[in-house]
């Protein structure tokens, strides 16, 4: 949802690197250092085309921030955006140099979800260079140059675009969805798709409630249990789904049917093969765990 930021040059100190991650509010969190300072707590977000830091992080590293206008996200409203250049961004044994980053206030997300710390977001400019292996069973995130060996029950799904867009079948309706580790929910239906295929009111629902907070404010949606979802080569049932009621932002205008969030994605160990434009997935320890919705607040 942001303007794409670019990494101008990269220094790779190791061909592979592995770092532990933790789930907080269904978002993957890792630690990194920026310009020799830190650690900073960052969300790993396949749904973000940029690297983002907060104004507080920018102040801590004494970054020179310029006005970059406004940007939009999942909320209804545009928000102020700045820009800066990070001299170094280090994740485990990897160090990236001259990293262009957006500077955006994430304090509403941090406070509404009670994050102990939220210093920024790691998105596409870092992820695109690797086979990024989310090992849910081990609680580790690995950045690799070669796809590792995978189990025989792994499935491979091709994707397109900066944000991984894949084919899915939402209760009998074929569409494409964004694979979004920054989405705390299991499945989000974007407004145009939900209206076109009459998902509002089709199932018993909690109607027009706050289901999250994104850039630009709260995210309103109807929440219900979807009978079936076919995604990542797997048939899933009884998926807690939100059908967006947003009037602005990305959820109100997207061409995709929706986004698959961490509520579904954590059921799989996943390799995001960005160079090969493929997602390789196999069941994790959470595969059979019943789906649930936790309203923020």
C-alpha atoms as a PDB file:
ATOM      1  CA  UNK A   1       0.000   0.000   0.000  1.00  0.00           C
ATOM      2  CA  UNK A   2       3.044   2.295   0.185  1.00  0.00           C
ATOM      3  CA  UNK A   3       5.187   3.846  -2.498  1.00  0.00           C
ATOM      4  CA  UNK A   4       7.877   1.258  -3.270  1.00  0.00           C
ATOM      5  CA  UNK A   5      11.207   1.936  -1.576  1.00  0.00           C
ATOM      6  CA  UNK A   6      14.443   0.713  -3.118  1.00  0.00           C
ATOM      7  CA  UNK A   7      17.628  -0.666  -1.624  1.00  0.00           C
ATOM      8  CA  UNK A   8      20.410   1.178  -3.420  1.00  0.00           C
ATOM      9  CA  UNK A   9      23.206  -1.166  -2.475  1.00  0.00           C
ATOM     10  CA  UNK A  10      23.487  -4.318  -0.426  1.00  0.00           C
ATOM     11  CA  UNK A  11      26.344  -5.837   1.521  1.00  0.00           C
ATOM     12  CA  UNK A  12      25.795  -9.531   2.234  1.00  0.00           C
ATOM     13  CA  UNK A  13      28.056 -10.831   4.975  1.00  0.00           C
ATOM     14  CA  UNK A  14      26.719 -14.378   4.771  1.00  0.00           C
ATOM     15  CA  UNK A  15      24.924 -16.339   2.033  1.00  0.00           C
ATOM     16  CA  UNK A  16      22.326 -17.472   4.564  1.00  0.00           C
ATOM     17  CA  UNK A  17      21.055 -16.137   7.860  1.00  0.00           C
ATOM     18  CA  UNK A  18      18.574 -17.448  10.423  1.00  0.00           C
ATOM     19  CA  UNK A  19      16.899 -15.446  13.161  1.00  0.00           C
ATOM     20  CA  UNK A  20      14.210 -16.334  15.708  1.00  0.00           C
ATOM     21  CA  UNK A  21      10.815 -14.703  15.373  1.00  0.00           C
ATOM     22  CA  UNK A  22       7.873 -14.380  17.713  1.00  0.00           C
ATOM     23  CA  UNK A  23       4.182 -13.950  16.964  1.00  0.00           C
ATOM     24  CA  UNK A  24       2.573 -10.908  18.499  1.00  0.00           C
ATOM     25  CA  UNK A  25      -1.061 -10.318  17.581  1.00  0.00           C
ATOM     26  CA  UNK A  26      -0.525 -12.794  14.744  1.00  0.00           C
ATOM     27  CA  UNK A  27       2.332 -10.758  13.267  1.00  0.00           C
ATOM     28  CA  UNK A  28       5.895 -12.090  12.880  1.00  0.00           C
ATOM     29  CA  UNK A  29       8.326  -9.942  14.863  1.00  0.00           C
ATOM     30  CA  UNK A  30      12.110  -9.962  14.539  1.00  0.00           C
ATOM     31  CA  UNK A  31      14.911  -7.853  15.942  1.00  0.00           C
ATOM     32  CA  UNK A  32      17.337  -5.866  13.820  1.00  0.00           C
ATOM     33  CA  UNK A  33      19.852  -3.080  14.208  1.00  0.00           C
ATOM     34  CA  UNK A  34      19.834   0.160  12.230  1.00  0.00           C
ATOM     35  CA  UNK A  35      22.889   2.382  11.816  1.00  0.00           C
ATOM     36  CA  UNK A  36      24.560   0.464  14.633  1.00  0.00           C
ATOM     37  CA  UNK A  37      21.735   1.127  17.106  1.00  0.00           C
ATOM     38  CA  UNK A  38      19.052  -1.135  18.461  1.00  0.00           C
ATOM     39  CA  UNK A  39      17.751  -3.713  18.738  1.00  0.00           C
ATOM     40  CA  UNK A  40      14.572  -2.615  16.996  1.00  0.00           C
ATOM     41  CA  UNK A  41      11.414  -4.741  16.858  1.00  0.00           C
ATOM     42  CA  UNK A  42      10.098  -5.027  13.306  1.00  0.00           C
ATOM     43  CA  UNK A  43       7.091  -6.731  11.695  1.00  0.00           C
ATOM     44  CA  UNK A  44       7.979  -9.006   8.756  1.00  0.00           C
ATOM     45  CA  UNK A  45       5.327  -8.150   6.199  1.00  0.00           C
ATOM     46  CA  UNK A  46       4.977  -9.791   2.783  1.00  0.00           C
ATOM     47  CA  UNK A  47       2.138  -7.332   2.165  1.00  0.00           C
ATOM     48  CA  UNK A  48       4.344  -4.247   2.418  1.00  0.00           C
ATOM     49  CA  UNK A  49       6.271  -3.042  -0.642  1.00  0.00           C
ATOM     50  CA  UNK A  50       8.600  -0.927   1.501  1.00  0.00           C
ATOM     51  CA  UNK A  51      10.907  -0.822   4.488  1.00  0.00           C
ATOM     52  CA  UNK A  52       9.314   1.410   7.130  1.00  0.00           C
ATOM     53  CA  UNK A  53      10.509   2.920  10.387  1.00  0.00           C
ATOM     54  CA  UNK A  54       8.605   5.005  12.908  1.00  0.00           C
ATOM     55  CA  UNK A  55       9.378   8.658  13.700  1.00  0.00           C
ATOM     56  CA  UNK A  56      10.649   7.500  17.107  1.00  0.00           C
ATOM     57  CA  UNK A  57      13.088   5.102  15.426  1.00  0.00           C
ATOM     58  CA  UNK A  58      14.192   7.851  13.050  1.00  0.00           C
ATOM     59  CA  UNK A  59      14.859  10.122  16.023  1.00  0.00           C
ATOM     60  CA  UNK A  60      16.806   7.414  17.837  1.00  0.00           C
ATOM     61  CA  UNK A  61      19.178   6.929  14.899  1.00  0.00           C
ATOM     62  CA  UNK A  62      19.298  10.705  14.175  1.00  0.00           C
ATOM     63  CA  UNK A  63      18.017  10.134  10.634  1.00  0.00           C
ATOM     64  CA  UNK A  64      17.553  13.000   8.208  1.00  0.00           C
ATOM     65  CA  UNK A  65      13.860  12.755   7.302  1.00  0.00           C
ATOM     66  CA  UNK A  66      12.292  14.558   4.343  1.00  0.00           C
ATOM     67  CA  UNK A  67       8.612  15.077   3.579  1.00  0.00           C
ATOM     68  CA  UNK A  68       7.297  12.375   1.234  1.00  0.00           C
ATOM     69  CA  UNK A  69       3.661  13.488   1.108  1.00  0.00           C
ATOM     70  CA  UNK A  70       0.972  11.016   2.118  1.00  0.00           C
ATOM     71  CA  UNK A  71       0.346   7.308   1.753  1.00  0.00           C
ATOM     72  CA  UNK A  72      -2.569   4.942   2.279  1.00  0.00           C
ATOM     73  CA  UNK A  73      -3.025   1.552   3.872  1.00  0.00           C
ATOM     74  CA  UNK A  74      -5.938  -0.492   5.141  1.00  0.00           C
ATOM     75  CA  UNK A  75      -7.553   2.434   6.992  1.00  0.00           C
ATOM     76  CA  UNK A  76      -9.966   4.872   5.398  1.00  0.00           C
ATOM     77  CA  UNK A  77      -7.647   7.870   5.544  1.00  0.00           C
ATOM     78  CA  UNK A  78      -4.308   8.872   4.062  1.00  0.00           C
ATOM     79  CA  UNK A  79      -1.451   9.445   6.505  1.00  0.00           C
ATOM     80  CA  UNK A  80       1.645  11.598   6.426  1.00  0.00           C
ATOM     81  CA  UNK A  81       4.765   9.885   5.090  1.00  0.00           C
ATOM     82  CA  UNK A  82       8.425  10.789   5.343  1.00  0.00           C
ATOM     83  CA  UNK A  83      11.496   9.365   3.720  1.00  0.00           C
ATOM     84  CA  UNK A  84      15.048   8.686   4.845  1.00  0.00           C
ATOM     85  CA  UNK A  85      18.145   6.665   4.023  1.00  0.00           C
ATOM     86  CA  UNK A  86      19.364   4.029   6.474  1.00  0.00           C
ATOM     87  CA  UNK A  87      23.137   3.686   6.338  1.00  0.00           C
ATOM     88  CA  UNK A  88      22.911   0.075   7.507  1.00  0.00           C
ATOM     89  CA  UNK A  89      20.139  -2.369   8.333  1.00  0.00           C
ATOM     90  CA  UNK A  90      21.343  -5.597   9.935  1.00  0.00           C
ATOM     91  CA  UNK A  91      19.284  -8.763  10.391  1.00  0.00           C
ATOM     92  CA  UNK A  92      21.266 -11.573  11.969  1.00  0.00           C
ATOM     93  CA  UNK A  93      24.402 -12.054   9.812  1.00  0.00           C
ATOM     94  CA  UNK A  94      23.058  -9.954   6.928  1.00  0.00           C
ATOM     95  CA  UNK A  95      23.838  -6.268   6.588  1.00  0.00           C
ATOM     96  CA  UNK A  96      22.194  -4.080   3.958  1.00  0.00           C
ATOM     97  CA  UNK A  97      23.590  -0.653   3.170  1.00  0.00           C
ATOM     98  CA  UNK A  98      21.975   2.534   1.859  1.00  0.00           C
ATOM     99  CA  UNK A  99      18.425   1.344   2.435  1.00  0.00           C
ATOM    100  CA  UNK A 100      15.670   3.737   1.407  1.00  0.00           C
ATOM    101  CA  UNK A 101      12.942   3.722   4.061  1.00  0.00           C
ATOM    102  CA  UNK A 102       9.587   5.323   4.673  1.00  0.00           C
ATOM    103  CA  UNK A 103       8.962   7.064   7.986  1.00  0.00           C
ATOM    104  CA  UNK A 104       5.371   6.564   9.157  1.00  0.00           C
ATOM    105  CA  UNK A 105       3.643   6.880  12.520  1.00  0.00           C
ATOM    106  CA  UNK A 106       2.596   3.383  13.659  1.00  0.00           C
ATOM    107  CA  UNK A 107       1.611   4.469  17.176  1.00  0.00           C
ATOM    108  CA  UNK A 108      -2.107   3.716  16.733  1.00  0.00           C
ATOM    109  CA  UNK A 109      -1.337   0.146  15.690  1.00  0.00           C
ATOM    110  CA  UNK A 110       1.155  -0.192  18.547  1.00  0.00           C
ATOM    111  CA  UNK A 111      -1.170   1.131  21.251  1.00  0.00           C
ATOM    112  CA  UNK A 112      -4.424  -0.503  20.071  1.00  0.00           C
ATOM    113  CA  UNK A 113      -2.782  -3.944  19.927  1.00  0.00           C
ATOM    114  CA  UNK A 114      -0.596  -3.362  23.009  1.00  0.00           C
ATOM    115  CA  UNK A 115       2.717  -4.041  21.287  1.00  0.00           C
ATOM    116  CA  UNK A 116       5.529  -3.713  23.851  1.00  0.00           C
ATOM    117  CA  UNK A 117       7.526  -2.121  21.009  1.00  0.00           C
ATOM    118  CA  UNK A 118       6.888  -1.559  17.334  1.00  0.00           C
ATOM    119  CA  UNK A 119       9.753   0.166  15.560  1.00  0.00           C
ATOM    120  CA  UNK A 120       9.032  -0.536  11.895  1.00  0.00           C
ATOM    121  CA  UNK A 121       8.301  -3.005   9.129  1.00  0.00           C
ATOM    122  CA  UNK A 122      10.504  -5.231   6.964  1.00  0.00           C
ATOM    123  CA  UNK A 123       8.914  -5.585   3.529  1.00  0.00           C
ATOM    124  CA  UNK A 124       9.605  -6.413  -0.089  1.00  0.00           C
ATOM    125  CA  UNK A 125      12.971  -4.654  -0.657  1.00  0.00           C
ATOM    126  CA  UNK A 126      14.600  -7.086   1.804  1.00  0.00           C
ATOM    127  CA  UNK A 127      12.480 -10.167   1.152  1.00  0.00           C
ATOM    128  CA  UNK A 128      12.748 -10.028  -2.645  1.00  0.00           C
ATOM    129  CA  UNK A 129      16.399 -11.029  -2.609  1.00  0.00           C
ATOM    130  CA  UNK A 130      15.962 -14.388  -0.904  1.00  0.00           C
ATOM    131  CA  UNK A 131      14.190 -17.656  -0.482  1.00  0.00           C
ATOM    132  CA  UNK A 132      12.626 -16.536   2.784  1.00  0.00           C
ATOM    133  CA  UNK A 133      11.837 -19.597   4.920  1.00  0.00           C
ATOM    134  CA  UNK A 134       9.279 -19.159   7.689  1.00  0.00           C
ATOM    135  CA  UNK A 135       9.805 -22.256   9.825  1.00  0.00           C
ATOM    136  CA  UNK A 136       6.755 -22.057  12.065  1.00  0.00           C
ATOM    137  CA  UNK A 137       7.638 -25.292  13.852  1.00  0.00           C
ATOM    138  CA  UNK A 138      11.067 -24.006  14.864  1.00  0.00           C
ATOM    139  CA  UNK A 139      10.069 -20.359  15.282  1.00  0.00           C
ATOM    140  CA  UNK A 140      12.797 -19.189  12.922  1.00  0.00           C
ATOM    141  CA  UNK A 141      13.045 -17.031   9.812  1.00  0.00           C
ATOM    142  CA  UNK A 142      15.812 -17.888   7.336  1.00  0.00           C
ATOM    143  CA  UNK A 143      17.078 -15.837   4.411  1.00  0.00           C
ATOM    144  CA  UNK A 144      18.595 -18.225   1.867  1.00  0.00           C
ATOM    145  CA  UNK A 145      20.157 -18.045  -1.587  1.00  0.00           C
ATOM    146  CA  UNK A 146      19.081 -21.578  -2.543  1.00  0.00           C
ATOM    147  CA  UNK A 147      15.745 -23.293  -1.885  1.00  0.00           C
ATOM    148  CA  UNK A 148      16.319 -25.910   0.842  1.00  0.00           C
ATOM    149  CA  UNK A 149      15.082 -29.496   0.713  1.00  0.00           C
ATOM    150  CA  UNK A 150      11.379 -29.733   1.494  1.00  0.00           C
ATOM    151  CA  UNK A 151       9.097 -32.592   2.631  1.00  0.00           C
ATOM    152  CA  UNK A 152       7.335 -34.750   0.081  1.00  0.00           C
ATOM    153  CA  UNK A 153       3.953 -33.323   1.096  1.00  0.00           C
ATOM    154  CA  UNK A 154       4.977 -29.754   0.217  1.00  0.00           C
ATOM    155  CA  UNK A 155       2.942 -27.900  -2.398  1.00  0.00           C
ATOM    156  CA  UNK A 156       4.237 -25.212  -4.753  1.00  0.00           C
ATOM    157  CA  UNK A 157       2.130 -22.229  -5.800  1.00  0.00           C
ATOM    158  CA  UNK A 158       3.346 -19.642  -8.282  1.00  0.00           C
ATOM    159  CA  UNK A 159       2.826 -15.964  -7.525  1.00  0.00           C
ATOM    160  CA  UNK A 160       2.981 -12.678  -9.356  1.00  0.00           C
ATOM    161  CA  UNK A 161       3.841  -9.153  -8.370  1.00  0.00           C
ATOM    162  CA  UNK A 162       5.742  -7.305  -5.683  1.00  0.00           C
ATOM    163  CA  UNK A 163       3.216  -8.457  -3.108  1.00  0.00           C
ATOM    164  CA  UNK A 164       2.687 -12.210  -3.576  1.00  0.00           C
ATOM    165  CA  UNK A 165      -0.621 -12.666  -5.426  1.00  0.00           C
ATOM    166  CA  UNK A 166      -1.858 -16.249  -5.839  1.00  0.00           C
ATOM    167  CA  UNK A 167      -4.963 -18.064  -7.047  1.00  0.00           C
ATOM    168  CA  UNK A 168      -7.513 -19.176  -4.461  1.00  0.00           C
ATOM    169  CA  UNK A 169     -11.058 -20.451  -4.307  1.00  0.00           C
ATOM    170  CA  UNK A 170     -13.254 -18.761  -1.716  1.00  0.00           C
ATOM    171  CA  UNK A 171     -16.204 -21.049  -1.033  1.00  0.00           C
ATOM    172  CA  UNK A 172     -16.554 -21.921  -4.703  1.00  0.00           C
ATOM    173  CA  UNK A 173     -15.606 -18.513  -6.117  1.00  0.00           C
ATOM    174  CA  UNK A 174     -12.255 -18.452  -7.939  1.00  0.00           C
ATOM    175  CA  UNK A 175     -10.197 -15.319  -7.409  1.00  0.00           C
ATOM    176  CA  UNK A 176      -6.698 -14.084  -6.602  1.00  0.00           C
ATOM    177  CA  UNK A 177      -5.536 -13.070  -3.129  1.00  0.00           C
ATOM    178  CA  UNK A 178      -2.549 -11.327  -1.584  1.00  0.00           C
ATOM    179  CA  UNK A 179      -0.423 -13.440   0.761  1.00  0.00           C
ATOM    180  CA  UNK A 180       0.005 -10.963   3.596  1.00  0.00           C
ATOM    181  CA  UNK A 181       1.927 -11.800   6.766  1.00  0.00           C
ATOM    182  CA  UNK A 182       1.051  -8.302   7.997  1.00  0.00           C
ATOM    183  CA  UNK A 183      -2.662  -9.209   8.087  1.00  0.00           C
ATOM    184  CA  UNK A 184      -3.556 -10.432  11.593  1.00  0.00           C
ATOM    185  CA  UNK A 185      -6.730 -12.159  10.394  1.00  0.00           C
ATOM    186  CA  UNK A 186      -7.158 -15.483   8.629  1.00  0.00           C
ATOM    187  CA  UNK A 187      -8.909 -14.211   5.504  1.00  0.00           C
ATOM    188  CA  UNK A 188      -9.954 -10.710   4.492  1.00  0.00           C
ATOM    189  CA  UNK A 189     -12.409 -10.167   1.655  1.00  0.00           C
ATOM    190  CA  UNK A 190     -11.963  -6.794   0.009  1.00  0.00           C
ATOM    191  CA  UNK A 191     -15.065  -4.685  -0.437  1.00  0.00           C
ATOM    192  CA  UNK A 192     -15.544  -4.928  -4.234  1.00  0.00           C
ATOM    193  CA  UNK A 193     -15.225  -8.739  -4.189  1.00  0.00           C
ATOM    194  CA  UNK A 194     -17.496  -9.161  -1.162  1.00  0.00           C
ATOM    195  CA  UNK A 195     -20.210  -7.016  -2.779  1.00  0.00           C
ATOM    196  CA  UNK A 196     -19.929  -8.630  -6.208  1.00  0.00           C
ATOM    197  CA  UNK A 197     -20.327 -12.135  -4.780  1.00  0.00           C
ATOM    198  CA  UNK A 198     -22.881 -11.284  -2.068  1.00  0.00           C
ATOM    199  CA  UNK A 199     -20.839 -12.296   0.966  1.00  0.00           C
ATOM    200  CA  UNK A 200     -22.424  -9.620   3.187  1.00  0.00           C
ATOM    201  CA  UNK A 201     -25.196 -11.253   5.186  1.00  0.00           C
ATOM    202  CA  UNK A 202     -24.756 -14.689   3.614  1.00  0.00           C
ATOM    203  CA  UNK A 203     -23.658 -16.272   6.913  1.00  0.00           C
ATOM    204  CA  UNK A 204     -24.368 -15.418  10.563  1.00  0.00           C
ATOM    205  CA  UNK A 205     -22.092 -12.437  11.180  1.00  0.00           C
ATOM    206  CA  UNK A 206     -20.827  -9.853  13.589  1.00  0.00           C
ATOM    207  CA  UNK A 207     -21.683  -6.845  11.445  1.00  0.00           C
ATOM    208  CA  UNK A 208     -19.538  -3.779  10.819  1.00  0.00           C
ATOM    209  CA  UNK A 209     -17.251  -4.138  13.825  1.00  0.00           C
ATOM    210  CA  UNK A 210     -13.648  -2.975  14.290  1.00  0.00           C
ATOM    211  CA  UNK A 211     -11.455  -5.910  13.269  1.00  0.00           C
ATOM    212  CA  UNK A 212      -8.082  -4.219  13.293  1.00  0.00           C
ATOM    213  CA  UNK A 213      -6.127  -1.022  12.777  1.00  0.00           C
ATOM    214  CA  UNK A 214      -3.958  -0.151   9.813  1.00  0.00           C
ATOM    215  CA  UNK A 215      -2.416   2.908   8.277  1.00  0.00           C
ATOM    216  CA  UNK A 216      -5.235   5.423   8.212  1.00  0.00           C
ATOM    217  CA  UNK A 217      -7.308   4.156  11.120  1.00  0.00           C
ATOM    218  CA  UNK A 218      -9.614   1.322  12.192  1.00  0.00           C
ATOM    219  CA  UNK A 219     -10.696  -1.483   9.858  1.00  0.00           C
ATOM    220  CA  UNK A 220     -14.435  -2.186   9.880  1.00  0.00           C
ATOM    221  CA  UNK A 221     -15.774  -5.490   8.597  1.00  0.00           C
ATOM    222  CA  UNK A 222     -18.394  -8.177   8.980  1.00  0.00           C
ATOM    223  CA  UNK A 223     -16.935 -11.293  10.627  1.00  0.00           C
ATOM    224  CA  UNK A 224     -18.254 -14.785   9.914  1.00  0.00           C
ATOM    225  CA  UNK A 225     -17.157 -18.394   9.459  1.00  0.00           C
ATOM    226  CA  UNK A 226     -16.485 -19.262   5.816  1.00  0.00           C
ATOM    227  CA  UNK A 227     -17.286 -22.911   5.001  1.00  0.00           C
ATOM    228  CA  UNK A 228     -14.335 -23.526   2.669  1.00  0.00           C
ATOM    229  CA  UNK A 229     -11.135 -21.998   1.317  1.00  0.00           C
ATOM    230  CA  UNK A 230      -8.798 -23.585  -1.200  1.00  0.00           C
ATOM    231  CA  UNK A 231      -5.354 -21.988  -1.064  1.00  0.00           C
ATOM    232  CA  UNK A 232      -1.695 -23.050  -1.232  1.00  0.00           C
ATOM    233  CA  UNK A 233      -2.764 -26.375  -2.715  1.00  0.00           C
ATOM    234  CA  UNK A 234      -4.843 -27.194   0.366  1.00  0.00           C
ATOM    235  CA  UNK A 235      -8.558 -27.392   1.163  1.00  0.00           C
ATOM    236  CA  UNK A 236      -9.407 -25.669   4.439  1.00  0.00           C
ATOM    237  CA  UNK A 237     -12.756 -25.445   6.219  1.00  0.00           C
ATOM    238  CA  UNK A 238     -14.395 -23.157   8.773  1.00  0.00           C
ATOM    239  CA  UNK A 239     -12.161 -20.158   8.233  1.00  0.00           C
ATOM    240  CA  UNK A 240     -12.899 -17.039  10.285  1.00  0.00           C
ATOM    241  CA  UNK A 241     -13.299 -14.371   7.626  1.00  0.00           C
ATOM    242  CA  UNK A 242     -13.810 -10.628   7.608  1.00  0.00           C
ATOM    243  CA  UNK A 243     -15.598  -8.889   4.721  1.00  0.00           C
ATOM    244  CA  UNK A 244     -14.328  -5.322   4.635  1.00  0.00           C
ATOM    245  CA  UNK A 245     -16.740  -2.430   5.189  1.00  0.00           C
ATOM    246  CA  UNK A 246     -14.065   0.176   4.511  1.00  0.00           C
ATOM    247  CA  UNK A 247     -14.968   3.243   2.452  1.00  0.00           C
ATOM    248  CA  UNK A 248     -11.381   4.226   1.660  1.00  0.00           C
ATOM    249  CA  UNK A 249      -7.885   2.765   1.507  1.00  0.00           C
ATOM    250  CA  UNK A 250      -6.695  -0.419  -0.105  1.00  0.00           C
ATOM    251  CA  UNK A 251      -9.494  -2.696   1.110  1.00  0.00           C
ATOM    252  CA  UNK A 252     -12.095  -0.513  -0.636  1.00  0.00           C
ATOM    253  CA  UNK A 253     -10.454  -0.422  -4.058  1.00  0.00           C
ATOM    254  CA  UNK A 254      -8.274  -3.509  -4.527  1.00  0.00           C
ATOM    255  CA  UNK A 255      -8.563  -5.569  -7.689  1.00  0.00           C
ATOM    256  CA  UNK A 256      -7.800  -8.766  -5.755  1.00  0.00           C
ATOM    257  CA  UNK A 257     -10.494 -10.754  -3.980  1.00  0.00           C
ATOM    258  CA  UNK A 258      -8.822 -10.376  -0.619  1.00  0.00           C
ATOM    259  CA  UNK A 259      -5.800 -11.267   1.466  1.00  0.00           C
ATOM    260  CA  UNK A 260      -4.741 -14.415   3.266  1.00  0.00           C
ATOM    261  CA  UNK A 261      -3.356 -13.457   6.660  1.00  0.00           C
ATOM    262  CA  UNK A 262      -1.332 -15.062   9.392  1.00  0.00           C
ATOM    263  CA  UNK A 263      -4.332 -16.864  10.874  1.00  0.00           C
ATOM    264  CA  UNK A 264      -4.125 -19.164   7.842  1.00  0.00           C
ATOM    265  CA  UNK A 265      -0.442 -18.787   6.992  1.00  0.00           C
ATOM    266  CA  UNK A 266       0.786 -19.987  10.404  1.00  0.00           C
ATOM    267  CA  UNK A 267      -0.821 -23.353   9.614  1.00  0.00           C
ATOM    268  CA  UNK A 268       2.061 -23.873   7.188  1.00  0.00           C
ATOM    269  CA  UNK A 269       5.827 -23.814   7.131  1.00  0.00           C
ATOM    270  CA  UNK A 270       6.431 -21.613   4.098  1.00  0.00           C
ATOM    271  CA  UNK A 271       9.290 -20.759   1.764  1.00  0.00           C
ATOM    272  CA  UNK A 272       8.694 -17.508  -0.087  1.00  0.00           C
ATOM    273  CA  UNK A 273      10.872 -18.101  -3.157  1.00  0.00           C
ATOM    274  CA  UNK A 274      10.945 -14.519  -4.412  1.00  0.00           C
ATOM    275  CA  UNK A 275      13.573 -15.111  -7.130  1.00  0.00           C
ATOM    276  CA  UNK A 276      11.525 -18.064  -8.446  1.00  0.00           C
ATOM    277  CA  UNK A 277       8.134 -16.398  -7.895  1.00  0.00           C
ATOM    278  CA  UNK A 278       6.823 -19.389  -5.952  1.00  0.00           C
ATOM    279  CA  UNK A 279       5.484 -20.235  -2.501  1.00  0.00           C
ATOM    280  CA  UNK A 280       6.338 -23.673  -1.126  1.00  0.00           C
ATOM    281  CA  UNK A 281       4.210 -24.785   1.824  1.00  0.00           C
ATOM    282  CA  UNK A 282       3.607 -27.807   4.030  1.00  0.00           C
ATOM    283  CA  UNK A 283       1.599 -28.275   7.248  1.00  0.00           C
ATOM    284  CA  UNK A 284       2.965 -26.825  10.491  1.00  0.00           C
ATOM    285  CA  UNK A 285       2.178 -27.750  14.070  1.00  0.00           C
ATOM    286  CA  UNK A 286      -0.781 -25.337  13.924  1.00  0.00           C
ATOM    287  CA  UNK A 287      -2.388 -26.952  10.872  1.00  0.00           C
ATOM    288  CA  UNK A 288      -5.303 -28.554  12.735  1.00  0.00           C
ATOM    289  CA  UNK A 289      -5.749 -25.824  15.360  1.00  0.00           C
ATOM    290  CA  UNK A 290      -9.316 -24.434  15.175  1.00  0.00           C
ATOM    291  CA  UNK A 291      -9.604 -20.940  13.759  1.00  0.00           C
ATOM    292  CA  UNK A 292     -10.527 -18.066  16.080  1.00  0.00           C
ATOM    293  CA  UNK A 293     -11.166 -14.338  15.959  1.00  0.00           C
ATOM    294  CA  UNK A 294      -9.903 -11.964  18.625  1.00  0.00           C
ATOM    295  CA  UNK A 295     -11.314  -8.460  18.412  1.00  0.00           C
ATOM    296  CA  UNK A 296      -8.762  -5.741  19.167  1.00  0.00           C
ATOM    297  CA  UNK A 297      -9.221  -3.525  22.145  1.00  0.00           C
END
